[in-house]
Amino acid sequence: MSIFLSYGLGIVTLVLSWFLLKDLLLASIVVFTSSSIFLYFQGPNAIAFSLCLSNGWIILNTIIDKLFPVN
């Protein structure tokens, strides 16, 4: 796989994951954990990194929204 195709698929995965899982906290935690484990054992991968990044951001946003609600 070429580097441009790999990065392109990573960006597409990032956007799709954000829009599809932003309201599903449990699914985001599962995807974040599995992609983190995959990255730990397999090394650099654009798709796994983008899944880890987007779902970590979803988890962080959810926690901050619950700790500091905006009225």
PDB file of N, CA and C in Angstrom:
ATOM      1  N   MET A   1       0.848  -1.169   0.000  1.00  0.00           N
ATOM      2  CA  MET A   1       0.000   0.000   0.000  1.00  0.00           C
ATOM      3  C   MET A   1       0.894   1.233   0.000  1.00  0.00           C
ATOM      4  N   SER A   2       0.593   2.154  -0.868  1.00  0.00           N
ATOM      5  CA  SER A   2       1.404   3.361  -0.941  1.00  0.00           C
ATOM      6  C   SER A   2       1.121   4.247   0.267  1.00  0.00           C
ATOM      7  N   ILE A   3       2.025   5.154   0.520  1.00  0.00           N
ATOM      8  CA  ILE A   3       1.894   6.022   1.689  1.00  0.00           C
ATOM      9  C   ILE A   3       0.716   6.979   1.532  1.00  0.00           C
ATOM     10  N   PHE A   4       0.459   7.454   0.312  1.00  0.00           N
ATOM     11  CA  PHE A   4      -0.654   8.371   0.089  1.00  0.00           C
ATOM     12  C   PHE A   4      -2.002   7.663   0.267  1.00  0.00           C
ATOM     13  N   LEU A   5      -2.090   6.435  -0.192  1.00  0.00           N
ATOM     14  CA  LEU A   5      -3.311   5.657  -0.006  1.00  0.00           C
ATOM     15  C   LEU A   5      -3.532   5.360   1.466  1.00  0.00           C
ATOM     16  N   SER A   6      -2.474   5.044   2.163  1.00  0.00           N
ATOM     17  CA  SER A   6      -2.565   4.772   3.594  1.00  0.00           C
ATOM     18  C   SER A   6      -3.040   5.995   4.364  1.00  0.00           C
ATOM     19  N   TYR A   7      -2.457   7.146   4.097  1.00  0.00           N
ATOM     20  CA  TYR A   7      -2.869   8.381   4.769  1.00  0.00           C
ATOM     21  C   TYR A   7      -4.276   8.794   4.365  1.00  0.00           C
ATOM     22  N   GLY A   8      -4.619   8.604   3.105  1.00  0.00           N
ATOM     23  CA  GLY A   8      -5.974   8.924   2.647  1.00  0.00           C
ATOM     24  C   GLY A   8      -7.021   8.072   3.347  1.00  0.00           C
ATOM     25  N   LEU A   9      -6.749   6.775   3.454  1.00  0.00           N
ATOM     26  CA  LEU A   9      -7.665   5.897   4.171  1.00  0.00           C
ATOM     27  C   LEU A   9      -7.730   6.257   5.649  1.00  0.00           C
ATOM     28  N   GLY A  10      -6.616   6.700   6.209  1.00  0.00           N
ATOM     29  CA  GLY A  10      -6.610   7.133   7.603  1.00  0.00           C
ATOM     30  C   GLY A  10      -7.492   8.347   7.815  1.00  0.00           C
ATOM     31  N   ILE A  11      -7.437   9.305   6.900  1.00  0.00           N
ATOM     32  CA  ILE A  11      -8.264  10.507   7.022  1.00  0.00           C
ATOM     33  C   ILE A  11      -9.741  10.173   6.844  1.00  0.00           C
ATOM     34  N   VAL A  12     -10.052   9.311   5.901  1.00  0.00           N
ATOM     35  CA  VAL A  12     -11.441   8.892   5.698  1.00  0.00           C
ATOM     36  C   VAL A  12     -11.956   8.159   6.928  1.00  0.00           C
ATOM     37  N   THR A  13     -11.139   7.286   7.496  1.00  0.00           N
ATOM     38  CA  THR A  13     -11.522   6.561   8.703  1.00  0.00           C
ATOM     39  C   THR A  13     -11.735   7.508   9.872  1.00  0.00           C
ATOM     40  N   LEU A  14     -10.884   8.505   9.999  1.00  0.00           N
ATOM     41  CA  LEU A  14     -11.017   9.496  11.060  1.00  0.00           C
ATOM     42  C   LEU A  14     -12.360  10.219  10.972  1.00  0.00           C
ATOM     43  N   VAL A  15     -12.708  10.680   9.800  1.00  0.00           N
ATOM     44  CA  VAL A  15     -13.953  11.432   9.611  1.00  0.00           C
ATOM     45  C   VAL A  15     -15.169  10.523   9.814  1.00  0.00           C
ATOM     46  N   LEU A  16     -15.140   9.337   9.231  1.00  0.00           N
ATOM     47  CA  LEU A  16     -16.269   8.422   9.379  1.00  0.00           C
ATOM     48  C   LEU A  16     -16.463   7.997  10.830  1.00  0.00           C
ATOM     49  N   SER A  17     -15.387   7.691  11.500  1.00  0.00           N
ATOM     50  CA  SER A  17     -15.474   7.281  12.896  1.00  0.00           C
ATOM     51  C   SER A  17     -16.040   8.404  13.747  1.00  0.00           C
ATOM     52  N   TRP A  18     -15.604   9.624  13.492  1.00  0.00           N
ATOM     53  CA  TRP A  18     -16.108  10.755  14.275  1.00  0.00           C
ATOM     54  C   TRP A  18     -17.614  10.923  14.087  1.00  0.00           C
ATOM     55  N   PHE A  19     -18.084  10.903  12.847  1.00  0.00           N
ATOM     56  CA  PHE A  19     -19.497  11.148  12.599  1.00  0.00           C
ATOM     57  C   PHE A  19     -20.383   9.962  12.958  1.00  0.00           C
ATOM     58  N   LEU A  20     -19.879   8.750  12.875  1.00  0.00           N
ATOM     59  CA  LEU A  20     -20.701   7.581  13.165  1.00  0.00           C
ATOM     60  C   LEU A  20     -20.745   7.228  14.647  1.00  0.00           C
ATOM     61  N   LEU A  21     -19.685   7.534  15.399  1.00  0.00           N
ATOM     62  CA  LEU A  21     -19.612   7.093  16.794  1.00  0.00           C
ATOM     63  C   LEU A  21     -19.672   8.220  17.815  1.00  0.00           C
ATOM     64  N   LYS A  22     -19.910   9.454  17.405  1.00  0.00           N
ATOM     65  CA  LYS A  22     -19.815  10.558  18.355  1.00  0.00           C
ATOM     66  C   LYS A  22     -20.891  10.527  19.434  1.00  0.00           C
ATOM     67  N   ASP A  23     -21.987   9.812  19.233  1.00  0.00           N
ATOM     68  CA  ASP A  23     -23.031   9.717  20.250  1.00  0.00           C
ATOM     69  C   ASP A  23     -23.010   8.370  20.983  1.00  0.00           C
ATOM     70  N   LEU A  24     -22.119   7.482  20.628  1.00  0.00           N
ATOM     71  CA  LEU A  24     -22.062   6.145  21.217  1.00  0.00           C
ATOM     72  C   LEU A  24     -20.786   5.999  22.045  1.00  0.00           C
ATOM     73  N   LEU A  25     -20.876   6.284  23.341  1.00  0.00           N
ATOM     74  CA  LEU A  25     -19.693   6.281  24.192  1.00  0.00           C
ATOM     75  C   LEU A  25     -19.108   4.885  24.363  1.00  0.00           C
ATOM     76  N   LEU A  26     -19.940   3.897  24.615  1.00  0.00           N
ATOM     77  CA  LEU A  26     -19.432   2.542  24.831  1.00  0.00           C
ATOM     78  C   LEU A  26     -18.745   1.997  23.575  1.00  0.00           C
ATOM     79  N   ALA A  27     -19.323   2.232  22.421  1.00  0.00           N
ATOM     80  CA  ALA A  27     -18.700   1.795  21.165  1.00  0.00           C
ATOM     81  C   ALA A  27     -17.368   2.514  20.945  1.00  0.00           C
ATOM     82  N   SER A  28     -17.303   3.789  21.310  1.00  0.00           N
ATOM     83  CA  SER A  28     -16.046   4.539  21.171  1.00  0.00           C
ATOM     84  C   SER A  28     -14.966   3.983  22.086  1.00  0.00           C
ATOM     85  N   ILE A  29     -15.346   3.593  23.296  1.00  0.00           N
ATOM     86  CA  ILE A  29     -14.378   3.018  24.219  1.00  0.00           C
ATOM     87  C   ILE A  29     -13.851   1.688  23.698  1.00  0.00           C
ATOM     88  N   VAL A  30     -14.733   0.871  23.142  1.00  0.00           N
ATOM     89  CA  VAL A  30     -14.317  -0.425  22.587  1.00  0.00           C
ATOM     90  C   VAL A  30     -13.380  -0.235  21.397  1.00  0.00           C
ATOM     91  N   VAL A  31     -13.726   0.662  20.492  1.00  0.00           N
ATOM     92  CA  VAL A  31     -12.889   0.905  19.315  1.00  0.00           C
ATOM     93  C   VAL A  31     -11.552   1.518  19.723  1.00  0.00           C
ATOM     94  N   PHE A  32     -11.577   2.445  20.674  1.00  0.00           N
ATOM     95  CA  PHE A  32     -10.337   3.063  21.158  1.00  0.00           C
ATOM     96  C   PHE A  32      -9.406   2.015  21.777  1.00  0.00           C
ATOM     97  N   THR A  33      -9.959   1.151  22.611  1.00  0.00           N
ATOM     98  CA  THR A  33      -9.151   0.114  23.265  1.00  0.00           C
ATOM     99  C   THR A  33      -8.587  -0.873  22.251  1.00  0.00           C
ATOM    100  N   SER A  34      -9.413  -1.339  21.343  1.00  0.00           N
ATOM    101  CA  SER A  34      -8.923  -2.315  20.355  1.00  0.00           C
ATOM    102  C   SER A  34      -7.906  -1.706  19.401  1.00  0.00           C
ATOM    103  N   SER A  35      -8.120  -0.468  18.982  1.00  0.00           N
ATOM    104  CA  SER A  35      -7.142   0.153  18.078  1.00  0.00           C
ATOM    105  C   SER A  35      -5.838   0.467  18.818  1.00  0.00           C
ATOM    106  N   SER A  36      -5.909   0.798  20.099  1.00  0.00           N
ATOM    107  CA  SER A  36      -4.691   1.027  20.883  1.00  0.00           C
ATOM    108  C   SER A  36      -3.894  -0.261  21.042  1.00  0.00           C
ATOM    109  N   ILE A  37      -4.585  -1.359  21.305  1.00  0.00           N
ATOM    110  CA  ILE A  37      -3.908  -2.659  21.424  1.00  0.00           C
ATOM    111  C   ILE A  37      -3.278  -3.043  20.088  1.00  0.00           C
ATOM    112  N   PHE A  38      -4.013  -2.828  18.987  1.00  0.00           N
ATOM    113  CA  PHE A  38      -3.468  -3.118  17.666  1.00  0.00           C
ATOM    114  C   PHE A  38      -2.211  -2.295  17.393  1.00  0.00           C
ATOM    115  N   LEU A  39      -2.255  -1.004  17.723  1.00  0.00           N
ATOM    116  CA  LEU A  39      -1.081  -0.152  17.519  1.00  0.00           C
ATOM    117  C   LEU A  39       0.096  -0.608  18.373  1.00  0.00           C
ATOM    118  N   TYR A  40      -0.174  -1.051  19.586  1.00  0.00           N
ATOM    119  CA  TYR A  40       0.897  -1.493  20.472  1.00  0.00           C
ATOM    120  C   TYR A  40       1.609  -2.718  19.911  1.00  0.00           C
ATOM    121  N   PHE A  41       0.833  -3.666  19.403  1.00  0.00           N
ATOM    122  CA  PHE A  41       1.440  -4.909  18.930  1.00  0.00           C
ATOM    123  C   PHE A  41       1.934  -4.845  17.484  1.00  0.00           C
ATOM    124  N   GLN A  42       1.281  -4.101  16.613  1.00  0.00           N
ATOM    125  CA  GLN A  42       1.644  -4.094  15.196  1.00  0.00           C
ATOM    126  C   GLN A  42       2.522  -2.918  14.779  1.00  0.00           C
ATOM    127  N   GLY A  43       2.551  -1.873  15.562  1.00  0.00           N
ATOM    128  CA  GLY A  43       3.356  -0.717  15.190  1.00  0.00           C
ATOM    129  C   GLY A  43       2.550   0.297  14.409  1.00  0.00           C
ATOM    130  N   PRO A  44       3.213   1.220  13.730  1.00  0.00           N
ATOM    131  CA  PRO A  44       2.521   2.317  13.036  1.00  0.00           C
ATOM    132  C   PRO A  44       1.548   1.815  11.974  1.00  0.00           C
ATOM    133  N   ASN A  45       0.362   2.390  12.014  1.00  0.00           N
ATOM    134  CA  ASN A  45      -0.677   2.086  11.037  1.00  0.00           C
ATOM    135  C   ASN A  45      -1.600   3.292  10.983  1.00  0.00           C
ATOM    136  N   ALA A  46      -1.818   3.835   9.807  1.00  0.00           N
ATOM    137  CA  ALA A  46      -2.604   5.071   9.675  1.00  0.00           C
ATOM    138  C   ALA A  46      -4.057   4.875  10.071  1.00  0.00           C
ATOM    139  N   ILE A  47      -4.646   3.765   9.715  1.00  0.00           N
ATOM    140  CA  ILE A  47      -6.056   3.534  10.015  1.00  0.00           C
ATOM    141  C   ILE A  47      -6.255   3.319  11.510  1.00  0.00           C
ATOM    142  N   ALA A  48      -5.423   2.496  12.135  1.00  0.00           N
ATOM    143  CA  ALA A  48      -5.545   2.268  13.572  1.00  0.00           C
ATOM    144  C   ALA A  48      -5.275   3.554  14.351  1.00  0.00           C
ATOM    145  N   PHE A  49      -4.317   4.346  13.897  1.00  0.00           N
ATOM    146  CA  PHE A  49      -4.027   5.603  14.567  1.00  0.00           C
ATOM    147  C   PHE A  49      -5.200   6.571  14.462  1.00  0.00           C
ATOM    148  N   SER A  50      -5.822   6.646  13.292  1.00  0.00           N
ATOM    149  CA  SER A  50      -6.949   7.559  13.143  1.00  0.00           C
ATOM    150  C   SER A  50      -8.147   7.095  13.972  1.00  0.00           C
ATOM    151  N   LEU A  51      -8.364   5.794  14.093  1.00  0.00           N
ATOM    152  CA  LEU A  51      -9.422   5.299  14.959  1.00  0.00           C
ATOM    153  C   LEU A  51      -9.137   5.631  16.413  1.00  0.00           C
ATOM    154  N   CYS A  52      -7.894   5.463  16.819  1.00  0.00           N
ATOM    155  CA  CYS A  52      -7.494   5.783  18.187  1.00  0.00           C
ATOM    156  C   CYS A  52      -7.658   7.278  18.446  1.00  0.00           C
ATOM    157  N   LEU A  53      -7.259   8.096  17.520  1.00  0.00           N
ATOM    158  CA  LEU A  53      -7.337   9.543  17.673  1.00  0.00           C
ATOM    159  C   LEU A  53      -8.777  10.044  17.748  1.00  0.00           C
ATOM    160  N   SER A  54      -9.611   9.622  16.825  1.00  0.00           N
ATOM    161  CA  SER A  54     -10.985  10.129  16.797  1.00  0.00           C
ATOM    162  C   SER A  54     -11.801   9.623  17.976  1.00  0.00           C
ATOM    163  N   ASN A  55     -11.634   8.370  18.349  1.00  0.00           N
ATOM    164  CA  ASN A  55     -12.409   7.847  19.464  1.00  0.00           C
ATOM    165  C   ASN A  55     -11.888   8.350  20.803  1.00  0.00           C
ATOM    166  N   GLY A  56     -10.610   8.600  20.906  1.00  0.00           N
ATOM    167  CA  GLY A  56     -10.083   9.234  22.113  1.00  0.00           C
ATOM    168  C   GLY A  56     -10.636  10.639  22.270  1.00  0.00           C
ATOM    169  N   TRP A  57     -10.785  11.343  21.172  1.00  0.00           N
ATOM    170  CA  TRP A  57     -11.346  12.694  21.201  1.00  0.00           C
ATOM    171  C   TRP A  57     -12.822  12.654  21.604  1.00  0.00           C
ATOM    172  N   ILE A  58     -13.560  11.662  21.119  1.00  0.00           N
ATOM    173  CA  ILE A  58     -14.967  11.506  21.493  1.00  0.00           C
ATOM    174  C   ILE A  58     -15.084  11.238  22.988  1.00  0.00           C
ATOM    175  N   ILE A  59     -14.243  10.354  23.512  1.00  0.00           N
ATOM    176  CA  ILE A  59     -14.264  10.028  24.938  1.00  0.00           C
ATOM    177  C   ILE A  59     -13.911  11.264  25.764  1.00  0.00           C
ATOM    178  N   LEU A  60     -12.892  11.985  25.360  1.00  0.00           N
ATOM    179  CA  LEU A  60     -12.494  13.192  26.070  1.00  0.00           C
ATOM    180  C   LEU A  60     -13.613  14.238  26.072  1.00  0.00           C
ATOM    181  N   ASN A  61     -14.243  14.472  24.934  1.00  0.00           N
ATOM    182  CA  ASN A  61     -15.344  15.436  24.861  1.00  0.00           C
ATOM    183  C   ASN A  61     -16.505  15.035  25.751  1.00  0.00           C
ATOM    184  N   THR A  62     -16.833  13.758  25.781  1.00  0.00           N
ATOM    185  CA  THR A  62     -17.939  13.284  26.604  1.00  0.00           C
ATOM    186  C   THR A  62     -17.649  13.472  28.083  1.00  0.00           C
ATOM    187  N   ILE A  63     -16.430  13.147  28.507  1.00  0.00           N
ATOM    188  CA  ILE A  63     -16.063  13.305  29.906  1.00  0.00           C
ATOM    189  C   ILE A  63     -16.085  14.781  30.307  1.00  0.00           C
ATOM    190  N   ILE A  64     -15.543  15.650  29.481  1.00  0.00           N
ATOM    191  CA  ILE A  64     -15.533  17.080  29.787  1.00  0.00           C
ATOM    192  C   ILE A  64     -16.953  17.627  29.833  1.00  0.00           C
ATOM    193  N   ASP A  65     -17.826  17.203  28.921  1.00  0.00           N
ATOM    194  CA  ASP A  65     -19.211  17.665  28.925  1.00  0.00           C
ATOM    195  C   ASP A  65     -19.957  17.235  30.183  1.00  0.00           C
ATOM    196  N   LYS A  66     -19.634  16.058  30.696  1.00  0.00           N
ATOM    197  CA  LYS A  66     -20.282  15.594  31.923  1.00  0.00           C
ATOM    198  C   LYS A  66     -19.720  16.275  33.168  1.00  0.00           C
ATOM    199  N   LEU A  67     -18.433  16.594  33.163  1.00  0.00           N
ATOM    200  CA  LEU A  67     -17.838  17.260  34.309  1.00  0.00           C
ATOM    201  C   LEU A  67     -18.197  18.738  34.391  1.00  0.00           C
ATOM    202  N   PHE A  68     -18.224  19.394  33.255  1.00  0.00           N
ATOM    203  CA  PHE A  68     -18.512  20.821  33.192  1.00  0.00           C
ATOM    204  C   PHE A  68     -19.657  21.091  32.219  1.00  0.00           C
ATOM    205  N   PRO A  69     -20.893  20.846  32.660  1.00  0.00           N
ATOM    206  CA  PRO A  69     -22.027  21.051  31.741  1.00  0.00           C
ATOM    207  C   PRO A  69     -22.226  22.528  31.417  1.00  0.00           C
ATOM    208  N   VAL A  70     -22.617  22.787  30.193  1.00  0.00           N
ATOM    209  CA  VAL A  70     -22.902  24.142  29.732  1.00  0.00           C
ATOM    210  C   VAL A  70     -24.410  24.320  29.727  1.00  0.00           C
ATOM    211  N   ASN A  71     -24.879  25.311  30.453  1.00  0.00           N
ATOM    212  CA  ASN A  71     -26.330  25.551  30.536  1.00  0.00           C
ATOM    213  C   ASN A  71     -26.804  26.397  29.394  1.00  0.00           C
TER     214      ASN A  71
END
